[in-house]
């Protein structure tokens, strides 16, 4: 007998209920396209490079080789973090869950610190390290942090144990990274740049990689969306509906680690995008995870790209670390949301 399909949060079937998410998706796609065009025109030469790109080789190089890959890379990284945040919050049934919950952030930082310690920092070596060594070290460190969390939690059977193991791994790996910084103070400036996040080194190869990973993860997350709907009722209910909770949780953790590790390896640690994007999506429309995951991903891309444009524009020709702006914008939004829900007329 086929187990019943969970109906949690499923649309009522009315034309309006079905239309609203589609309109939001279309609006967010248009917003992303507009931000990409705006990002291509932000720089020391402004929109002039875009206007002259077709007949000026230097302007074309500025737009095509520097601005466009950075702009598209910022959107792709934000989309990966938004998707990972929505998966994490659905998987752990916790609105405070973010993509870095299972130790990927501390693992990535430790990987970069070890790479800098082993290979050193010099004016000649840094570009090569950024393109090859640091990116690979950050990805391996992020995946390693998640694997260590799984080992300490003894698998994926218990959600609470996973959460506690992730917190422990984050503190321990963070402490090891600080010890490396104390032993080799010359790597601190490079570590600070990674910890604050930057899209300045994103090229076309990184864009294509993040786009491919986003497509894979988005497709896999859509396939697992009904599992997340069932888990929102609790594990006991999900089991009673015939959902293979343990195996699906393992698959979702792999998806979470892949999306987070790829974004972190290319752009460093960027705060609050993965936490704020799912909250913003849920505040716009009440829908199932099939639509929520896509909305959170599109919102994450728009948030990070908007922050990157502001980081380039506010103090031009100097740049602010994009992670600082995402923390200010995302943290401010969450504070406003908490204030509204904590007010007498709001929902707690």
Protein backbone atom coordinates (compact mmCIF):
# COMPACT_ATOMS: atom_id res chain seq x y z
CA UNK A 1 0.00 0.00 0.00
CA UNK A 2 1.39 3.41 -0.95
CA UNK A 3 1.91 5.69 2.08
CA UNK A 4 -0.12 8.90 2.04
CA UNK A 5 1.60 12.02 0.78
CA UNK A 6 1.99 14.72 3.45
CA UNK A 7 -0.19 17.74 2.80
CA UNK A 8 1.51 20.14 5.23
CA UNK A 9 1.29 23.71 4.03
CA UNK A 10 0.00 22.64 0.60
CA UNK A 11 -1.75 25.33 -1.37
CA UNK A 12 -5.53 25.42 -1.16
CA UNK A 13 -5.74 25.14 -4.94
CA UNK A 14 -7.40 28.53 -5.50
CA UNK A 15 -6.09 30.53 -8.47
CA UNK A 16 -4.83 33.30 -6.17
CA UNK A 17 -2.96 30.89 -3.91
CA UNK A 18 -1.28 29.28 -6.91
CA UNK A 19 -0.51 32.61 -8.59
CA UNK A 20 1.23 34.45 -5.74
CA UNK A 21 4.37 32.25 -5.54
CA UNK A 22 4.76 32.32 -9.33
CA UNK A 23 4.49 36.10 -9.37
CA UNK A 24 7.11 36.32 -6.62
CA UNK A 25 9.47 34.01 -8.51
CA UNK A 26 9.09 36.10 -11.66
CA UNK A 27 9.58 39.33 -9.70
CA UNK A 28 12.73 38.01 -8.01
CA UNK A 29 14.14 36.86 -11.35
CA UNK A 30 13.54 40.34 -12.77
CA UNK A 31 15.10 41.90 -9.66
CA UNK A 32 18.16 39.67 -10.04
CA UNK A 33 18.52 40.64 -13.71
CA UNK A 34 18.24 44.34 -12.84
CA UNK A 35 20.86 43.98 -10.11
CA UNK A 36 23.20 42.18 -12.54
CA UNK A 37 22.93 45.10 -14.98
CA UNK A 38 23.51 47.57 -12.15
CA UNK A 39 26.47 45.58 -10.86
CA UNK A 40 28.07 45.59 -14.30
CA UNK A 41 28.06 49.40 -14.17
CA UNK A 42 29.48 49.87 -10.67
CA UNK A 43 33.20 50.59 -10.56
CA UNK A 44 35.82 53.30 -10.83
CA UNK A 45 34.75 54.15 -14.40
CA UNK A 46 31.03 53.79 -13.73
CA UNK A 47 28.50 53.10 -16.49
CA UNK A 48 30.86 54.58 -19.06
CA UNK A 49 32.62 51.23 -19.40
CA UNK A 50 29.31 49.50 -20.14
CA UNK A 51 28.36 52.10 -22.76
CA UNK A 52 31.78 51.89 -24.44
CA UNK A 53 32.23 48.14 -24.14
CA UNK A 54 31.25 47.36 -27.74
CA UNK A 55 33.90 49.56 -29.33
CA UNK A 56 36.54 49.96 -26.61
CA UNK A 57 38.64 46.83 -25.90
CA UNK A 58 39.70 48.10 -22.46
CA UNK A 59 36.10 48.85 -21.43
CA UNK A 60 35.05 45.42 -22.71
CA UNK A 61 37.77 43.76 -20.63
CA UNK A 62 36.71 45.66 -17.52
CA UNK A 63 33.07 44.67 -17.93
CA UNK A 64 33.52 41.11 -19.21
CA UNK A 65 36.55 39.92 -17.22
CA UNK A 66 36.05 41.76 -13.91
CA UNK A 67 32.59 43.15 -13.27
CA UNK A 68 30.31 40.52 -14.80
CA UNK A 69 31.92 37.42 -13.23
CA UNK A 70 32.06 39.17 -9.87
CA UNK A 71 28.42 40.25 -10.13
CA UNK A 72 27.12 36.87 -11.28
CA UNK A 73 29.34 35.12 -8.72
CA UNK A 74 27.85 37.21 -5.91
CA UNK A 75 24.34 36.22 -7.03
CA UNK A 76 25.29 32.53 -7.30
CA UNK A 77 26.95 32.48 -3.87
CA UNK A 78 23.93 34.17 -2.31
CA UNK A 79 21.59 31.71 -4.01
CA UNK A 80 23.59 28.78 -2.62
CA UNK A 81 23.55 30.25 0.90
CA UNK A 82 19.82 31.06 0.72
CA UNK A 83 19.03 27.53 -0.43
CA UNK A 84 21.27 26.02 2.25
CA UNK A 85 19.64 28.16 4.93
CA UNK A 86 16.14 27.06 3.92
CA UNK A 87 17.24 23.40 3.93
CA UNK A 88 18.88 23.78 7.36
CA UNK A 89 15.83 25.44 8.92
CA UNK A 90 13.49 22.83 7.47
CA UNK A 91 15.73 19.91 8.37
CA UNK A 92 16.25 20.96 12.00
CA UNK A 93 12.81 22.59 12.39
CA UNK A 94 14.59 25.60 13.84
CA UNK A 95 14.20 29.18 12.52
CA UNK A 96 17.66 30.06 13.89
CA UNK A 97 19.43 27.38 11.85
CA UNK A 98 21.84 28.69 9.22
CA UNK A 99 24.14 27.06 6.62
CA UNK A 100 27.12 27.18 8.99
CA UNK A 101 25.38 25.22 11.73
CA UNK A 102 27.22 21.91 11.21
CA UNK A 103 30.77 23.28 11.42
CA UNK A 104 31.33 24.21 7.78
CA UNK A 105 32.29 27.82 8.56
CA UNK A 106 34.84 26.98 11.24
CA UNK A 107 36.18 24.13 9.09
CA UNK A 108 36.62 26.42 6.10
CA UNK A 109 38.41 29.04 8.23
CA UNK A 110 40.71 26.39 9.66
CA UNK A 111 41.44 25.04 6.17
CA UNK A 112 42.45 28.50 4.96
CA UNK A 113 44.58 29.09 8.06
CA UNK A 114 46.42 25.78 7.59
CA UNK A 115 46.97 26.54 3.90
CA UNK A 116 48.42 29.96 4.67
CA UNK A 117 50.59 28.52 7.42
CA UNK A 118 52.00 25.79 5.17
CA UNK A 119 52.50 27.83 2.01
CA UNK A 120 53.16 31.26 3.46
CA UNK A 121 51.92 34.65 2.33
CA UNK A 122 53.79 36.74 -0.20
CA UNK A 123 52.92 39.23 -2.92
CA UNK A 124 53.87 36.69 -5.59
CA UNK A 125 52.14 33.69 -4.04
CA UNK A 126 48.85 35.22 -2.93
CA UNK A 127 47.05 35.31 -6.34
CA UNK A 128 47.98 31.68 -7.01
CA UNK A 129 46.83 30.67 -3.55
CA UNK A 130 43.53 32.49 -3.96
CA UNK A 131 42.81 30.81 -7.29
CA UNK A 132 43.96 27.31 -6.34
CA UNK A 133 45.20 26.71 -2.81
CA UNK A 134 42.86 28.75 -0.64
CA UNK A 135 39.72 27.83 -2.54
CA UNK A 136 40.47 24.13 -2.32
CA UNK A 137 41.54 24.39 1.32
CA UNK A 138 38.35 26.22 2.25
CA UNK A 139 36.15 23.64 0.51
CA UNK A 140 37.98 20.69 2.05
CA UNK A 141 37.85 22.36 5.46
CA UNK A 142 34.11 23.02 5.18
CA UNK A 143 33.36 19.42 4.19
CA UNK A 144 35.75 18.17 6.87
CA UNK A 145 33.95 20.20 9.54
CA UNK A 146 30.61 18.65 8.56
CA UNK A 147 32.10 15.14 8.53
CA UNK A 148 33.58 15.69 11.99
CA UNK A 149 30.17 16.80 13.21
CA UNK A 150 28.62 13.62 11.82
CA UNK A 151 31.28 11.50 13.51
CA UNK A 152 30.73 13.16 16.89
CA UNK A 153 26.94 12.88 16.49
CA UNK A 154 27.31 9.17 15.55
CA UNK A 155 25.39 9.59 12.34
CA UNK A 156 22.23 11.46 11.49
CA UNK A 157 19.72 9.59 13.64
CA UNK A 158 19.26 12.29 16.30
CA UNK A 159 18.63 15.94 15.40
CA UNK A 160 19.52 17.34 18.82
CA UNK A 161 22.81 15.44 18.87
CA UNK A 162 23.65 16.84 15.44
CA UNK A 163 23.00 20.38 16.63
CA UNK A 164 25.13 19.97 19.74
CA UNK A 165 27.94 18.32 17.79
CA UNK A 166 27.89 21.19 15.28
CA UNK A 167 28.23 23.75 18.06
CA UNK A 168 31.12 21.84 19.65
CA UNK A 169 32.93 21.43 16.32
CA UNK A 170 32.50 25.14 15.61
CA UNK A 171 34.09 26.16 18.91
CA UNK A 172 36.93 23.63 18.73
CA UNK A 173 37.94 24.30 15.13
CA UNK A 174 37.61 28.04 15.73
CA UNK A 175 39.97 27.75 18.70
CA UNK A 176 42.51 25.81 16.61
CA UNK A 177 42.35 28.50 13.94
CA UNK A 178 43.03 31.20 16.53
CA UNK A 179 46.04 29.27 17.81
CA UNK A 180 47.42 29.12 14.27
CA UNK A 181 46.90 32.88 13.97
CA UNK A 182 48.84 33.44 17.19
CA UNK A 183 51.67 31.22 15.98
CA UNK A 184 51.87 32.93 12.57
CA UNK A 185 50.71 36.58 12.88
CA UNK A 186 51.59 37.29 9.24
CA UNK A 187 48.54 35.36 8.05
CA UNK A 188 46.07 37.41 10.09
CA UNK A 189 45.34 40.00 7.39
CA UNK A 190 44.61 37.30 4.81
CA UNK A 191 42.44 35.45 7.33
CA UNK A 192 40.54 38.64 8.11
CA UNK A 193 39.74 39.11 4.42
CA UNK A 194 38.40 35.55 4.23
CA UNK A 195 36.38 35.84 7.43
CA UNK A 196 34.72 39.09 6.28
CA UNK A 197 33.90 37.71 2.82
CA UNK A 198 34.76 39.07 -0.60
CA UNK A 199 33.62 38.58 -4.18
CA UNK A 200 36.63 40.39 -5.63
CA UNK A 201 38.44 37.21 -6.71
CA UNK A 202 35.49 35.47 -8.36
CA UNK A 203 36.15 34.67 -12.03
CA UNK A 204 34.21 32.92 -14.75
CA UNK A 205 35.38 29.45 -13.68
CA UNK A 206 34.08 30.07 -10.15
CA UNK A 207 30.79 31.39 -11.56
CA UNK A 208 30.28 28.30 -13.68
CA UNK A 209 31.15 26.03 -10.76
CA UNK A 210 28.71 27.75 -8.40
CA UNK A 211 25.99 27.82 -11.06
CA UNK A 212 26.40 24.08 -11.71
CA UNK A 213 26.34 23.24 -7.99
CA UNK A 214 23.32 25.49 -7.48
CA UNK A 215 21.44 23.71 -10.28
CA UNK A 216 22.24 20.29 -8.80
CA UNK A 217 21.37 21.32 -5.23
CA UNK A 218 18.18 23.14 -6.24
CA UNK A 219 16.96 20.10 -8.17
CA UNK A 220 17.80 17.75 -5.31
CA UNK A 221 16.16 20.04 -2.76
CA UNK A 222 13.00 20.25 -4.86
CA UNK A 223 12.91 16.45 -4.96
CA UNK A 224 13.19 16.33 -1.16
CA UNK A 225 10.72 19.15 -0.51
CA UNK A 226 7.88 16.81 0.52
CA UNK A 227 10.21 15.22 3.06
CA UNK A 228 10.80 18.64 4.60
CA UNK A 229 7.03 19.21 4.62
CA UNK A 230 6.60 15.94 6.53
CA UNK A 231 9.43 16.73 8.95
CA UNK A 232 7.72 20.01 9.83
CA UNK A 233 5.08 17.88 11.60
CA UNK A 234 7.73 16.09 13.65
CA UNK A 235 9.78 12.95 13.15
CA UNK A 236 7.15 10.62 14.60
CA UNK A 237 4.54 11.86 12.14
CA UNK A 238 7.03 11.68 9.26
CA UNK A 239 7.77 8.04 10.18
CA UNK A 240 4.06 7.26 10.29
CA UNK A 241 3.70 8.71 6.77
CA UNK A 242 6.31 6.26 5.50
CA UNK A 243 9.11 8.83 5.04
CA UNK A 244 12.63 7.29 5.33
CA UNK A 245 13.74 9.96 7.77
CA UNK A 246 17.31 8.78 8.43
CA UNK A 247 18.33 8.29 4.80
CA UNK A 248 16.65 11.50 3.65
CA UNK A 249 18.26 13.46 6.47
CA UNK A 250 21.65 12.14 5.38
CA UNK A 251 20.97 13.23 1.81
CA UNK A 252 19.86 16.70 2.92
CA UNK A 253 23.01 17.10 5.01
CA UNK A 254 25.12 16.20 1.96
CA UNK A 255 23.21 18.81 -0.04
CA UNK A 256 23.68 21.37 2.75
CA UNK A 257 27.43 20.70 2.98
CA UNK A 258 27.91 20.86 -0.80
CA UNK A 259 26.05 24.15 -1.25
CA UNK A 260 27.67 25.81 1.76
CA UNK A 261 31.18 24.53 1.05
CA UNK A 262 31.06 25.70 -2.57
CA UNK A 263 29.88 29.21 -1.67
CA UNK A 264 32.33 29.61 1.21
CA UNK A 265 35.28 28.37 -0.85
CA UNK A 266 34.69 31.06 -3.50
CA UNK A 267 33.61 34.08 -1.43
CA UNK A 268 34.67 33.47 2.17
CA UNK A 269 32.39 33.65 5.19
CA UNK A 270 29.38 35.86 4.47
CA UNK A 271 27.05 36.28 7.41
CA UNK A 272 23.24 36.38 7.69
CA UNK A 273 22.34 35.71 4.03
CA UNK A 274 21.50 32.06 4.69
CA UNK A 275 19.63 32.99 7.88
CA UNK A 276 17.67 36.00 6.63
CA UNK A 277 16.66 34.80 3.14
CA UNK A 278 14.33 31.96 4.31
CA UNK A 279 12.73 34.26 6.91
CA UNK A 280 12.10 36.90 4.26
CA UNK A 281 10.61 34.27 1.92
CA UNK A 282 8.24 33.03 4.61
CA UNK A 283 7.19 36.60 5.42
CA UNK A 284 6.23 37.16 1.77
CA UNK A 285 4.13 34.02 1.22
CA UNK A 286 2.99 30.93 3.10
CA UNK A 287 3.73 27.95 0.89
CA UNK A 288 5.25 24.49 0.82
CA UNK A 289 8.99 23.81 0.80
CA UNK A 290 8.91 23.15 -2.94
CA UNK A 291 8.35 26.86 -3.52
CA UNK A 292 9.99 28.12 -0.34
CA UNK A 293 13.37 26.64 -1.28
CA UNK A 294 13.35 28.41 -4.64
CA UNK A 295 12.18 31.71 -3.16
CA UNK A 296 14.84 31.59 -0.43
CA UNK A 297 17.49 30.85 -3.05
CA UNK A 298 16.44 33.76 -5.30
CA UNK A 299 16.21 36.09 -2.31
CA UNK A 300 19.66 35.02 -1.11
CA UNK A 301 21.12 35.83 -4.52
CA UNK A 302 19.43 39.24 -4.60
CA UNK A 303 20.50 40.07 -1.03
CA UNK A 304 24.16 39.22 -1.52
CA UNK A 305 24.35 40.92 -4.92
CA UNK A 306 22.71 44.09 -3.55
CA UNK A 307 25.16 44.08 -0.62
CA UNK A 308 28.09 43.58 -3.00
CA UNK A 309 26.98 46.54 -5.14
CA UNK A 310 26.69 48.70 -2.02
CA UNK A 311 30.12 47.52 -0.84
CA UNK A 312 31.63 48.72 -4.12
CA UNK A 313 29.68 51.97 -4.28
CA UNK A 314 29.47 53.45 -0.76
CA UNK A 315 33.18 54.32 -0.36
CA UNK A 316 34.23 54.14 -4.03
CA UNK A 317 36.97 53.71 -5.15
CA UNK A 318 37.55 51.86 -1.84
CA UNK A 319 35.48 48.78 -1.04
CA UNK A 320 33.79 47.64 2.13
CA UNK A 321 33.90 43.95 3.07
CA UNK A 322 30.65 42.53 1.75
CA UNK A 323 30.24 40.37 4.86
CA UNK A 324 29.98 43.53 6.99
CA UNK A 325 27.09 44.86 4.93
CA UNK A 326 25.23 41.53 4.89
CA UNK A 327 25.57 41.35 8.67
CA UNK A 328 24.19 44.89 9.06
CA UNK A 329 21.36 44.43 6.58
CA UNK A 330 20.45 40.87 7.61
CA UNK A 331 20.79 41.55 11.31
CA UNK A 332 18.73 44.73 11.00
CA UNK A 333 15.97 42.88 9.17
CA UNK A 334 15.85 40.11 11.78
CA UNK A 335 15.68 42.69 14.59
CA UNK A 336 12.75 44.41 12.87
CA UNK A 337 11.06 41.04 12.39
CA UNK A 338 11.55 40.17 16.06
CA UNK A 339 10.15 43.54 17.11
CA UNK A 340 7.06 43.14 14.91
CA UNK A 341 6.34 39.61 16.13
CA UNK A 342 6.97 40.57 19.74
CA UNK A 343 4.58 43.53 19.61
CA UNK A 344 1.09 43.15 21.15
CA UNK A 345 -0.50 42.90 17.70
CA UNK A 346 2.11 40.56 16.24
CA UNK A 347 2.56 36.82 16.35
CA UNK A 348 5.21 35.48 18.70
